[in-house]
């Protein structure tokens, strides 16, 4: 079993996501998943407020020419790195990654948010770049990107959560069906809208 060192100091490789606290207080936030409906996404699906994309969804969103601030959550970088037992912070990489690596896609001009464990060494030179720890959100162990995106929206101080292209969560699909019960408690009590383009 790998040891997750949540006290790892990431200074010099991005700012703490905690520096974004209440940045968008009282605003709506738009979370964009990777459902098939993403191919129907248009600028008209968005209102005012920050946008948080999950992994490859940033490609579709950046192409829309939105005026919203866009945050690219790229949590799942772990598979690109060598697995050293007891050390999940190894910078050694088994791939020659440039703009794409596994589930990760380098944004063009969005703000990058990475995990201090899974994707800390990915796209190191990209700026602006923020780093989160699961403990920043009261989470332990591993959790899916959707939950982290919700927690970031809460950190932003947003009061309405618009979930776009989370098709499996809306229609009970198979690909992310295992996440449905994991995610529900994290949006219970929030003002939520589900949008399927």
N, C-alpha and C. Protein backbone atom coordinates (compact mmCIF):
# COMPACT_ATOMS: atom_id res chain seq x y z
N UNK A 1 0.84 -1.19 0.00
CA UNK A 1 0.00 0.00 0.00
C UNK A 1 0.88 1.24 0.00
N UNK A 2 0.54 2.21 -0.84
CA UNK A 2 1.32 3.42 -0.91
C UNK A 2 1.03 4.31 0.28
N UNK A 3 2.02 5.06 0.70
CA UNK A 3 1.85 6.00 1.80
C UNK A 3 1.62 7.37 1.21
N UNK A 4 0.47 7.96 1.50
CA UNK A 4 0.18 9.29 1.00
C UNK A 4 0.62 10.33 2.02
N UNK A 5 1.58 11.12 1.65
CA UNK A 5 2.13 12.13 2.54
C UNK A 5 1.42 13.45 2.29
N UNK A 6 0.33 13.70 3.01
CA UNK A 6 -0.45 14.92 2.80
C UNK A 6 0.28 16.16 3.31
N UNK A 7 1.38 15.99 4.01
CA UNK A 7 2.13 17.15 4.51
C UNK A 7 3.23 17.55 3.54
N UNK A 8 3.28 16.92 2.37
CA UNK A 8 4.32 17.23 1.39
C UNK A 8 4.30 18.72 1.05
N UNK A 9 5.47 19.34 1.03
CA UNK A 9 5.58 20.77 0.76
C UNK A 9 5.72 20.99 -0.74
N UNK A 10 4.71 21.60 -1.36
CA UNK A 10 4.76 21.82 -2.82
C UNK A 10 5.18 23.23 -3.16
N UNK A 11 5.71 23.96 -2.21
CA UNK A 11 6.11 25.34 -2.46
C UNK A 11 7.10 25.40 -3.62
N UNK A 12 6.90 26.35 -4.50
CA UNK A 12 7.77 26.50 -5.66
C UNK A 12 7.26 25.79 -6.89
N UNK A 13 6.20 24.98 -6.74
CA UNK A 13 5.66 24.26 -7.89
C UNK A 13 4.16 24.53 -8.03
N UNK A 14 3.76 25.74 -7.68
CA UNK A 14 2.37 26.14 -7.74
C UNK A 14 1.89 26.70 -6.42
N UNK A 15 0.85 27.50 -6.48
CA UNK A 15 0.26 28.06 -5.26
C UNK A 15 -0.75 27.08 -4.68
N UNK A 16 -1.00 27.21 -3.39
CA UNK A 16 -2.03 26.40 -2.76
C UNK A 16 -3.40 26.85 -3.27
N UNK A 17 -4.27 25.90 -3.56
CA UNK A 17 -5.62 26.21 -4.00
C UNK A 17 -6.37 26.99 -2.93
N UNK A 18 -5.92 26.87 -1.68
CA UNK A 18 -6.57 27.60 -0.60
C UNK A 18 -6.49 29.11 -0.79
N UNK A 19 -5.55 29.57 -1.62
CA UNK A 19 -5.44 30.99 -1.92
C UNK A 19 -6.62 31.51 -2.74
N UNK A 20 -7.45 30.60 -3.27
CA UNK A 20 -8.61 30.98 -4.06
C UNK A 20 -9.89 31.07 -3.23
N UNK A 21 -9.76 30.93 -1.92
CA UNK A 21 -10.93 30.93 -1.04
C UNK A 21 -11.75 32.21 -1.22
N UNK A 22 -13.06 32.00 -1.41
CA UNK A 22 -14.04 33.08 -1.56
C UNK A 22 -13.77 34.01 -2.74
N UNK A 23 -12.99 33.56 -3.70
CA UNK A 23 -12.68 34.36 -4.89
C UNK A 23 -13.94 34.71 -5.69
N UNK A 24 -14.95 33.82 -5.65
CA UNK A 24 -16.18 34.04 -6.42
C UNK A 24 -17.40 33.93 -5.51
N UNK A 25 -17.29 34.53 -4.36
CA UNK A 25 -18.34 34.42 -3.35
C UNK A 25 -19.69 34.88 -3.90
N UNK A 26 -20.71 34.02 -3.70
CA UNK A 26 -22.06 34.32 -4.11
C UNK A 26 -22.36 34.11 -5.59
N UNK A 27 -21.38 33.65 -6.35
CA UNK A 27 -21.58 33.44 -7.78
C UNK A 27 -21.98 31.99 -8.09
N UNK A 28 -22.43 31.79 -9.32
CA UNK A 28 -22.67 30.43 -9.81
C UNK A 28 -21.35 29.84 -10.27
N UNK A 29 -21.24 28.51 -10.20
CA UNK A 29 -20.09 27.82 -10.75
C UNK A 29 -20.58 26.78 -11.74
N UNK A 30 -19.80 26.57 -12.79
CA UNK A 30 -20.17 25.65 -13.87
C UNK A 30 -19.14 24.53 -13.90
N UNK A 31 -19.55 23.32 -13.52
CA UNK A 31 -18.66 22.16 -13.52
C UNK A 31 -18.94 21.35 -14.78
N UNK A 32 -17.89 21.04 -15.52
CA UNK A 32 -18.07 20.36 -16.81
C UNK A 32 -17.41 18.98 -16.77
N UNK A 33 -18.24 17.94 -16.95
CA UNK A 33 -17.76 16.57 -16.96
C UNK A 33 -17.41 16.10 -18.36
N UNK A 34 -17.28 14.78 -18.49
CA UNK A 34 -16.78 14.21 -19.75
C UNK A 34 -17.80 13.30 -20.44
N UNK A 35 -19.10 13.54 -20.18
CA UNK A 35 -20.12 12.73 -20.82
C UNK A 35 -20.16 12.96 -22.32
N UNK A 36 -20.83 12.06 -23.04
CA UNK A 36 -20.92 12.18 -24.50
C UNK A 36 -21.60 13.47 -24.93
N UNK A 37 -22.46 14.02 -24.06
CA UNK A 37 -23.17 15.26 -24.42
C UNK A 37 -22.21 16.45 -24.55
N UNK A 38 -20.97 16.27 -24.12
CA UNK A 38 -19.97 17.33 -24.22
C UNK A 38 -19.79 17.78 -25.67
N UNK A 39 -20.00 16.87 -26.62
CA UNK A 39 -19.84 17.22 -28.03
C UNK A 39 -20.92 18.19 -28.51
N UNK A 40 -22.00 18.36 -27.73
CA UNK A 40 -23.07 19.29 -28.08
C UNK A 40 -22.96 20.62 -27.32
N UNK A 41 -21.91 20.78 -26.55
CA UNK A 41 -21.75 21.95 -25.69
C UNK A 41 -21.57 23.23 -26.51
N UNK A 42 -22.28 24.27 -26.11
CA UNK A 42 -22.14 25.58 -26.75
C UNK A 42 -21.96 26.65 -25.69
N UNK A 43 -21.60 27.82 -26.12
CA UNK A 43 -21.42 28.97 -25.23
C UNK A 43 -22.71 29.29 -24.47
N UNK A 44 -23.84 28.99 -25.10
CA UNK A 44 -25.14 29.33 -24.51
C UNK A 44 -25.48 28.47 -23.29
N UNK A 45 -24.75 27.40 -23.05
CA UNK A 45 -25.01 26.57 -21.88
C UNK A 45 -24.47 27.19 -20.60
N UNK A 46 -23.75 28.30 -20.72
CA UNK A 46 -23.10 28.92 -19.57
C UNK A 46 -23.69 30.28 -19.26
N UNK A 47 -23.71 30.60 -17.98
CA UNK A 47 -24.00 31.95 -17.53
C UNK A 47 -22.73 32.53 -16.94
N UNK A 48 -22.87 33.53 -16.10
CA UNK A 48 -21.73 34.15 -15.46
C UNK A 48 -21.17 33.27 -14.34
N UNK A 49 -19.91 33.44 -14.05
CA UNK A 49 -19.28 32.70 -12.96
C UNK A 49 -18.17 31.81 -13.45
N UNK A 50 -17.36 31.31 -12.52
CA UNK A 50 -16.22 30.47 -12.89
C UNK A 50 -16.65 29.11 -13.43
N UNK A 51 -15.78 28.55 -14.26
CA UNK A 51 -15.99 27.22 -14.85
C UNK A 51 -14.88 26.30 -14.36
N UNK A 52 -15.25 25.09 -13.95
CA UNK A 52 -14.26 24.08 -13.56
C UNK A 52 -14.45 22.89 -14.49
N UNK A 53 -13.43 22.58 -15.28
CA UNK A 53 -13.50 21.43 -16.19
C UNK A 53 -12.74 20.26 -15.59
N UNK A 54 -13.15 19.06 -15.96
CA UNK A 54 -12.48 17.86 -15.49
C UNK A 54 -11.70 17.23 -16.64
N UNK A 55 -10.40 17.11 -16.43
CA UNK A 55 -9.48 16.50 -17.40
C UNK A 55 -9.73 17.00 -18.82
N UNK A 56 -10.04 16.10 -19.77
CA UNK A 56 -10.13 16.46 -21.19
C UNK A 56 -11.25 17.44 -21.52
N UNK A 57 -12.20 17.65 -20.62
CA UNK A 57 -13.31 18.56 -20.90
C UNK A 57 -12.81 19.98 -21.18
N UNK A 58 -11.61 20.31 -20.72
CA UNK A 58 -11.09 21.66 -20.94
C UNK A 58 -10.92 21.95 -22.43
N UNK A 59 -10.66 20.94 -23.23
CA UNK A 59 -10.48 21.15 -24.68
C UNK A 59 -11.76 21.70 -25.29
N UNK A 60 -12.90 21.09 -24.95
CA UNK A 60 -14.19 21.55 -25.49
C UNK A 60 -14.55 22.94 -24.98
N UNK A 61 -14.28 23.19 -23.70
CA UNK A 61 -14.67 24.46 -23.11
C UNK A 61 -13.80 25.61 -23.62
N UNK A 62 -12.50 25.39 -23.72
CA UNK A 62 -11.63 26.46 -24.20
C UNK A 62 -11.97 26.87 -25.64
N UNK A 63 -12.51 25.96 -26.40
CA UNK A 63 -12.86 26.26 -27.79
C UNK A 63 -14.12 27.11 -27.95
N UNK A 64 -14.82 27.39 -26.85
CA UNK A 64 -16.08 28.13 -26.93
C UNK A 64 -15.90 29.64 -26.88
N UNK A 65 -14.74 30.10 -26.46
CA UNK A 65 -14.50 31.54 -26.36
C UNK A 65 -15.28 32.21 -25.23
N UNK A 66 -15.40 31.52 -24.11
CA UNK A 66 -16.11 32.08 -22.96
C UNK A 66 -15.33 33.22 -22.33
N UNK A 67 -16.06 34.15 -21.72
CA UNK A 67 -15.43 35.22 -20.94
C UNK A 67 -15.22 34.80 -19.49
N UNK A 68 -15.82 33.69 -19.08
CA UNK A 68 -15.71 33.20 -17.70
C UNK A 68 -14.26 32.82 -17.38
N UNK A 69 -13.86 32.95 -16.12
CA UNK A 69 -12.59 32.35 -15.71
C UNK A 69 -12.72 30.83 -15.76
N UNK A 70 -11.74 30.15 -16.37
CA UNK A 70 -11.81 28.70 -16.54
C UNK A 70 -10.68 28.05 -15.74
N UNK A 71 -11.06 27.03 -14.96
CA UNK A 71 -10.11 26.26 -14.16
C UNK A 71 -10.11 24.83 -14.68
N UNK A 72 -8.93 24.34 -15.00
CA UNK A 72 -8.78 22.99 -15.53
C UNK A 72 -8.29 22.06 -14.42
N UNK A 73 -9.21 21.26 -13.87
CA UNK A 73 -8.86 20.30 -12.82
C UNK A 73 -8.26 19.07 -13.47
N UNK A 74 -6.98 18.85 -13.24
CA UNK A 74 -6.27 17.72 -13.83
C UNK A 74 -5.72 16.88 -12.68
N UNK A 75 -6.57 16.06 -12.11
CA UNK A 75 -6.22 15.30 -10.90
C UNK A 75 -5.48 14.00 -11.19
N UNK A 76 -5.81 13.33 -12.28
CA UNK A 76 -5.41 11.94 -12.47
C UNK A 76 -4.12 11.77 -13.24
N UNK A 77 -3.02 12.28 -12.74
CA UNK A 77 -1.75 12.14 -13.43
C UNK A 77 -0.95 10.93 -13.03
N UNK A 78 -1.37 10.26 -11.96
CA UNK A 78 -0.60 9.16 -11.40
C UNK A 78 -0.16 8.09 -12.37
N UNK A 79 -1.02 7.62 -13.29
CA UNK A 79 -0.62 6.52 -14.17
C UNK A 79 0.57 6.83 -15.06
N UNK A 80 0.92 8.10 -15.21
CA UNK A 80 2.04 8.44 -16.09
C UNK A 80 3.38 8.25 -15.39
N UNK A 81 3.38 8.18 -14.05
CA UNK A 81 4.63 8.12 -13.31
C UNK A 81 5.01 6.69 -12.96
N UNK A 82 6.30 6.48 -12.74
CA UNK A 82 6.74 5.17 -12.30
C UNK A 82 6.22 4.92 -10.90
N UNK A 83 5.86 3.70 -10.61
CA UNK A 83 5.32 3.35 -9.30
C UNK A 83 6.45 2.85 -8.41
N UNK A 84 6.86 3.70 -7.49
CA UNK A 84 7.90 3.32 -6.54
C UNK A 84 7.21 3.02 -5.22
N UNK A 85 7.25 1.76 -4.76
CA UNK A 85 6.54 1.41 -3.52
C UNK A 85 6.91 2.35 -2.37
N UNK A 86 5.86 2.87 -1.71
CA UNK A 86 6.08 3.76 -0.58
C UNK A 86 6.37 5.20 -0.97
N UNK A 87 6.47 5.48 -2.28
CA UNK A 87 6.77 6.85 -2.72
C UNK A 87 5.91 7.19 -3.92
N UNK A 88 4.79 7.86 -3.67
CA UNK A 88 3.92 8.24 -4.78
C UNK A 88 4.21 9.66 -5.23
N UNK A 89 5.35 10.21 -4.84
CA UNK A 89 5.72 11.56 -5.24
C UNK A 89 6.92 11.55 -6.17
N UNK A 90 7.21 10.41 -6.75
CA UNK A 90 8.37 10.32 -7.63
C UNK A 90 8.15 11.14 -8.90
N UNK A 91 9.14 11.97 -9.27
CA UNK A 91 9.02 12.73 -10.51
C UNK A 91 9.36 11.91 -11.75
N UNK A 92 9.89 10.70 -11.56
CA UNK A 92 10.27 9.87 -12.69
C UNK A 92 9.03 9.50 -13.50
N UNK A 93 9.13 9.65 -14.80
CA UNK A 93 7.98 9.40 -15.66
C UNK A 93 8.31 8.33 -16.69
N UNK A 94 7.36 7.44 -16.94
CA UNK A 94 7.58 6.36 -17.90
C UNK A 94 7.18 6.78 -19.31
N UNK A 95 6.63 7.98 -19.46
CA UNK A 95 6.21 8.47 -20.77
C UNK A 95 6.94 9.76 -21.10
N UNK A 96 7.02 10.07 -22.36
CA UNK A 96 7.54 11.36 -22.80
C UNK A 96 6.33 12.24 -23.08
N UNK A 97 5.77 12.80 -22.01
CA UNK A 97 4.52 13.54 -22.12
C UNK A 97 4.78 15.00 -22.46
N UNK A 98 3.95 15.51 -23.32
CA UNK A 98 4.02 16.94 -23.63
C UNK A 98 2.67 17.56 -23.28
N UNK A 99 1.76 17.67 -24.25
CA UNK A 99 0.47 18.30 -23.99
C UNK A 99 -0.61 17.33 -23.53
N UNK A 100 -0.38 16.03 -23.72
CA UNK A 100 -1.36 15.01 -23.33
C UNK A 100 -0.62 13.89 -22.62
N UNK A 101 -1.19 13.43 -21.52
CA UNK A 101 -0.60 12.29 -20.82
C UNK A 101 -1.70 11.54 -20.08
N UNK A 102 -2.01 10.35 -20.53
CA UNK A 102 -3.10 9.59 -19.92
C UNK A 102 -4.40 10.37 -20.01
N UNK A 103 -5.04 10.61 -18.86
CA UNK A 103 -6.28 11.37 -18.81
C UNK A 103 -6.04 12.88 -18.74
N UNK A 104 -4.81 13.29 -18.70
CA UNK A 104 -4.50 14.70 -18.53
C UNK A 104 -4.25 15.39 -19.87
N UNK A 105 -4.74 16.63 -19.96
CA UNK A 105 -4.55 17.46 -21.15
C UNK A 105 -4.11 18.84 -20.68
N UNK A 106 -3.01 19.33 -21.23
CA UNK A 106 -2.57 20.65 -20.83
C UNK A 106 -3.52 21.71 -21.39
N UNK A 107 -4.02 22.60 -20.52
CA UNK A 107 -4.88 23.67 -21.03
C UNK A 107 -4.09 24.65 -21.89
N UNK A 108 -4.82 25.48 -22.63
CA UNK A 108 -4.17 26.50 -23.46
C UNK A 108 -4.00 27.79 -22.66
N UNK A 109 -5.11 28.26 -22.09
CA UNK A 109 -5.03 29.51 -21.33
C UNK A 109 -5.91 29.51 -20.09
N UNK A 110 -6.29 28.35 -19.61
CA UNK A 110 -7.06 28.23 -18.37
C UNK A 110 -6.10 28.11 -17.19
N UNK A 111 -6.63 28.25 -16.01
CA UNK A 111 -5.85 28.06 -14.80
C UNK A 111 -5.82 26.57 -14.48
N UNK A 112 -4.64 26.02 -14.27
CA UNK A 112 -4.47 24.59 -14.01
C UNK A 112 -4.54 24.31 -12.51
N UNK A 113 -5.28 23.27 -12.14
CA UNK A 113 -5.34 22.81 -10.75
C UNK A 113 -4.94 21.34 -10.73
N UNK A 114 -3.90 21.02 -9.97
CA UNK A 114 -3.40 19.64 -9.89
C UNK A 114 -3.40 19.15 -8.45
N UNK A 115 -3.37 17.84 -8.30
CA UNK A 115 -3.34 17.18 -6.99
C UNK A 115 -1.89 17.04 -6.53
N UNK A 116 -1.66 17.26 -5.25
CA UNK A 116 -0.28 17.20 -4.76
C UNK A 116 0.31 15.79 -4.79
N UNK A 117 -0.50 14.79 -5.07
CA UNK A 117 0.01 13.42 -5.15
C UNK A 117 -0.05 12.88 -6.57
N UNK A 118 -1.23 12.84 -7.14
CA UNK A 118 -1.39 12.17 -8.42
C UNK A 118 -0.82 12.93 -9.61
N UNK A 119 -0.88 14.24 -9.59
CA UNK A 119 -0.49 14.99 -10.79
C UNK A 119 0.49 16.12 -10.49
N UNK A 120 1.14 16.07 -9.35
CA UNK A 120 2.02 17.15 -8.92
C UNK A 120 3.16 17.42 -9.89
N UNK A 121 3.71 16.38 -10.49
CA UNK A 121 4.85 16.55 -11.39
C UNK A 121 4.44 16.69 -12.86
N UNK A 122 3.15 16.78 -13.12
CA UNK A 122 2.67 16.91 -14.48
C UNK A 122 2.51 18.38 -14.86
N UNK A 123 2.96 18.73 -16.04
CA UNK A 123 2.84 20.10 -16.54
C UNK A 123 3.40 21.11 -15.53
N UNK A 124 4.60 20.79 -15.03
CA UNK A 124 5.22 21.60 -13.96
C UNK A 124 5.46 23.05 -14.34
N UNK A 125 5.74 23.31 -15.61
CA UNK A 125 6.08 24.67 -16.03
C UNK A 125 4.85 25.51 -16.41
N UNK A 126 3.67 24.91 -16.35
CA UNK A 126 2.46 25.63 -16.74
C UNK A 126 2.13 26.68 -15.68
N UNK A 127 1.63 27.82 -16.14
CA UNK A 127 1.23 28.89 -15.23
C UNK A 127 0.02 29.60 -15.83
N UNK A 128 -0.98 29.97 -14.99
CA UNK A 128 -1.04 29.82 -13.53
C UNK A 128 -1.39 28.39 -13.13
N UNK A 129 -0.86 27.98 -11.99
CA UNK A 129 -0.95 26.60 -11.54
C UNK A 129 -1.20 26.57 -10.03
N UNK A 130 -2.25 25.87 -9.65
CA UNK A 130 -2.58 25.72 -8.23
C UNK A 130 -2.53 24.24 -7.87
N UNK A 131 -2.22 23.96 -6.61
CA UNK A 131 -2.11 22.59 -6.13
C UNK A 131 -3.06 22.40 -4.95
N UNK A 132 -3.80 21.28 -4.95
CA UNK A 132 -4.67 20.99 -3.81
C UNK A 132 -4.24 19.70 -3.14
N UNK A 133 -4.55 19.62 -1.86
CA UNK A 133 -4.43 18.39 -1.09
C UNK A 133 -5.84 17.95 -0.72
N UNK A 134 -6.09 16.67 -0.70
CA UNK A 134 -7.42 16.19 -0.33
C UNK A 134 -7.82 16.67 1.06
N UNK A 135 -6.85 16.76 1.97
CA UNK A 135 -7.17 17.21 3.32
C UNK A 135 -7.62 18.67 3.34
N UNK A 136 -7.30 19.44 2.28
CA UNK A 136 -7.79 20.82 2.19
C UNK A 136 -9.32 20.85 2.22
N UNK A 137 -9.93 19.75 1.75
CA UNK A 137 -11.39 19.67 1.64
C UNK A 137 -12.00 18.68 2.63
N UNK A 138 -11.21 18.26 3.60
CA UNK A 138 -11.71 17.30 4.57
C UNK A 138 -11.88 15.91 4.00
N UNK A 139 -11.17 15.60 2.91
CA UNK A 139 -11.27 14.29 2.28
C UNK A 139 -10.06 13.45 2.63
N UNK A 140 -10.27 12.16 2.75
CA UNK A 140 -9.16 11.25 3.02
C UNK A 140 -9.17 10.15 1.97
N UNK A 141 -8.03 9.51 1.78
CA UNK A 141 -7.94 8.46 0.77
C UNK A 141 -8.11 9.04 -0.61
N UNK A 142 -8.55 8.22 -1.54
CA UNK A 142 -8.75 8.70 -2.90
C UNK A 142 -10.22 9.04 -3.11
N UNK A 143 -10.48 9.97 -3.98
CA UNK A 143 -11.85 10.32 -4.32
C UNK A 143 -11.88 10.78 -5.77
N UNK A 144 -13.05 10.77 -6.38
CA UNK A 144 -13.14 11.09 -7.80
C UNK A 144 -13.04 12.60 -8.04
N UNK A 145 -12.71 12.96 -9.27
CA UNK A 145 -12.53 14.36 -9.65
C UNK A 145 -13.81 15.18 -9.49
N UNK A 146 -14.97 14.56 -9.70
CA UNK A 146 -16.24 15.27 -9.56
C UNK A 146 -16.39 15.82 -8.14
N UNK A 147 -16.07 15.00 -7.15
CA UNK A 147 -16.15 15.44 -5.75
C UNK A 147 -15.19 16.61 -5.51
N UNK A 148 -13.97 16.48 -6.02
CA UNK A 148 -12.98 17.54 -5.84
C UNK A 148 -13.47 18.83 -6.50
N UNK A 149 -14.07 18.74 -7.68
CA UNK A 149 -14.58 19.93 -8.36
C UNK A 149 -15.67 20.61 -7.53
N UNK A 150 -16.54 19.82 -6.91
CA UNK A 150 -17.57 20.38 -6.03
C UNK A 150 -16.92 21.12 -4.87
N UNK A 151 -15.91 20.49 -4.27
CA UNK A 151 -15.22 21.10 -3.13
C UNK A 151 -14.51 22.39 -3.52
N UNK A 152 -13.97 22.43 -4.73
CA UNK A 152 -13.33 23.66 -5.21
C UNK A 152 -14.38 24.76 -5.39
N UNK A 153 -15.54 24.40 -5.93
CA UNK A 153 -16.63 25.37 -6.06
C UNK A 153 -17.05 25.93 -4.71
N UNK A 154 -17.11 25.07 -3.71
CA UNK A 154 -17.43 25.52 -2.36
C UNK A 154 -16.32 26.43 -1.82
N UNK A 155 -15.07 26.07 -2.08
CA UNK A 155 -13.95 26.90 -1.66
C UNK A 155 -14.04 28.29 -2.30
N UNK A 156 -14.44 28.33 -3.56
CA UNK A 156 -14.62 29.59 -4.28
C UNK A 156 -15.69 30.47 -3.62
N UNK A 157 -16.58 29.87 -2.82
CA UNK A 157 -17.68 30.60 -2.21
C UNK A 157 -18.91 30.66 -3.08
N UNK A 158 -19.01 29.79 -4.07
CA UNK A 158 -20.15 29.79 -4.99
C UNK A 158 -21.41 29.28 -4.30
N UNK A 159 -22.57 29.79 -4.76
CA UNK A 159 -23.83 29.40 -4.11
C UNK A 159 -24.75 28.59 -5.00
N UNK A 160 -24.42 28.47 -6.29
CA UNK A 160 -25.21 27.65 -7.21
C UNK A 160 -24.26 26.81 -8.04
N UNK A 161 -24.55 25.53 -8.15
CA UNK A 161 -23.68 24.58 -8.84
C UNK A 161 -24.39 24.02 -10.06
N UNK A 162 -23.84 24.30 -11.23
CA UNK A 162 -24.39 23.81 -12.49
C UNK A 162 -23.50 22.67 -13.00
N UNK A 163 -24.05 21.47 -13.07
CA UNK A 163 -23.31 20.29 -13.49
C UNK A 163 -23.63 20.00 -14.96
N UNK A 164 -22.63 20.18 -15.82
CA UNK A 164 -22.82 20.03 -17.25
C UNK A 164 -22.12 18.76 -17.76
N UNK A 165 -22.82 17.97 -18.55
CA UNK A 165 -22.26 16.77 -19.21
C UNK A 165 -21.77 15.71 -18.23
N UNK A 166 -22.49 15.57 -17.12
CA UNK A 166 -22.26 14.43 -16.23
C UNK A 166 -23.34 13.40 -16.54
N UNK A 167 -23.29 12.89 -17.76
CA UNK A 167 -24.37 12.08 -18.32
C UNK A 167 -24.68 10.83 -17.50
N UNK A 168 -23.66 10.13 -17.02
CA UNK A 168 -23.91 8.91 -16.26
C UNK A 168 -24.66 9.20 -14.97
N UNK A 169 -24.38 10.34 -14.36
CA UNK A 169 -25.05 10.72 -13.12
C UNK A 169 -26.51 11.09 -13.37
N UNK A 170 -26.80 11.58 -14.56
CA UNK A 170 -28.17 11.97 -14.92
C UNK A 170 -28.96 10.76 -15.42
N UNK A 171 -28.34 9.97 -16.28
CA UNK A 171 -29.06 8.89 -16.96
C UNK A 171 -28.73 7.50 -16.44
N UNK A 172 -27.84 7.41 -15.45
CA UNK A 172 -27.49 6.10 -14.91
C UNK A 172 -26.64 5.28 -15.85
N UNK A 173 -25.71 5.93 -16.54
CA UNK A 173 -24.82 5.22 -17.45
C UNK A 173 -23.86 4.31 -16.71
N UNK A 174 -23.03 3.59 -17.46
CA UNK A 174 -22.16 2.58 -16.86
C UNK A 174 -20.75 3.06 -16.55
N UNK A 175 -20.21 3.96 -17.36
CA UNK A 175 -18.80 4.30 -17.24
C UNK A 175 -18.45 4.86 -15.86
N UNK A 176 -19.28 5.77 -15.36
CA UNK A 176 -19.01 6.38 -14.06
C UNK A 176 -20.07 6.03 -13.03
N UNK A 177 -20.77 4.92 -13.25
CA UNK A 177 -21.84 4.51 -12.34
C UNK A 177 -21.30 4.29 -10.92
N UNK A 178 -20.06 3.82 -10.82
CA UNK A 178 -19.46 3.56 -9.51
C UNK A 178 -19.28 4.83 -8.69
N UNK A 179 -19.34 6.00 -9.34
CA UNK A 179 -19.13 7.26 -8.63
C UNK A 179 -20.43 7.87 -8.10
N UNK A 180 -21.56 7.42 -8.60
CA UNK A 180 -22.82 8.10 -8.30
C UNK A 180 -23.07 8.19 -6.80
N UNK A 181 -22.98 7.07 -6.09
CA UNK A 181 -23.21 7.09 -4.65
C UNK A 181 -22.11 7.84 -3.91
N UNK A 182 -20.91 7.84 -4.46
CA UNK A 182 -19.81 8.56 -3.82
C UNK A 182 -20.04 10.07 -3.89
N UNK A 183 -20.60 10.54 -4.99
CA UNK A 183 -20.74 11.98 -5.22
C UNK A 183 -21.95 12.58 -4.51
N UNK A 184 -23.06 11.84 -4.45
CA UNK A 184 -24.32 12.38 -3.94
C UNK A 184 -24.20 13.12 -2.60
N UNK A 185 -23.53 12.56 -1.60
CA UNK A 185 -23.47 13.27 -0.31
C UNK A 185 -22.76 14.63 -0.40
N UNK A 186 -21.95 14.82 -1.42
CA UNK A 186 -21.17 16.05 -1.52
C UNK A 186 -21.95 17.19 -2.16
N UNK A 187 -23.06 16.89 -2.85
CA UNK A 187 -23.89 17.98 -3.35
C UNK A 187 -25.25 18.05 -2.65
N UNK A 188 -25.48 17.14 -1.72
CA UNK A 188 -26.72 17.19 -0.94
C UNK A 188 -26.79 18.52 -0.19
N UNK A 189 -27.89 19.21 -0.34
CA UNK A 189 -28.05 20.48 0.35
C UNK A 189 -27.57 21.69 -0.43
N UNK A 190 -26.88 21.46 -1.56
CA UNK A 190 -26.44 22.56 -2.39
C UNK A 190 -27.52 22.92 -3.41
N UNK A 191 -27.49 24.12 -3.91
CA UNK A 191 -28.39 24.54 -4.98
C UNK A 191 -27.79 24.04 -6.29
N UNK A 192 -28.38 23.01 -6.89
CA UNK A 192 -27.78 22.29 -8.00
C UNK A 192 -28.70 22.28 -9.23
N UNK A 193 -28.08 22.46 -10.41
CA UNK A 193 -28.78 22.30 -11.69
C UNK A 193 -27.99 21.30 -12.53
N UNK A 194 -28.69 20.37 -13.15
CA UNK A 194 -28.05 19.42 -14.06
C UNK A 194 -28.35 19.84 -15.48
N UNK A 195 -27.31 19.95 -16.29
CA UNK A 195 -27.47 20.41 -17.68
C UNK A 195 -26.86 19.37 -18.62
N UNK A 196 -27.68 18.88 -19.55
CA UNK A 196 -27.21 17.93 -20.55
C UNK A 196 -27.36 18.58 -21.91
N UNK A 197 -26.27 19.01 -22.52
CA UNK A 197 -26.35 19.71 -23.83
C UNK A 197 -27.00 18.86 -24.91
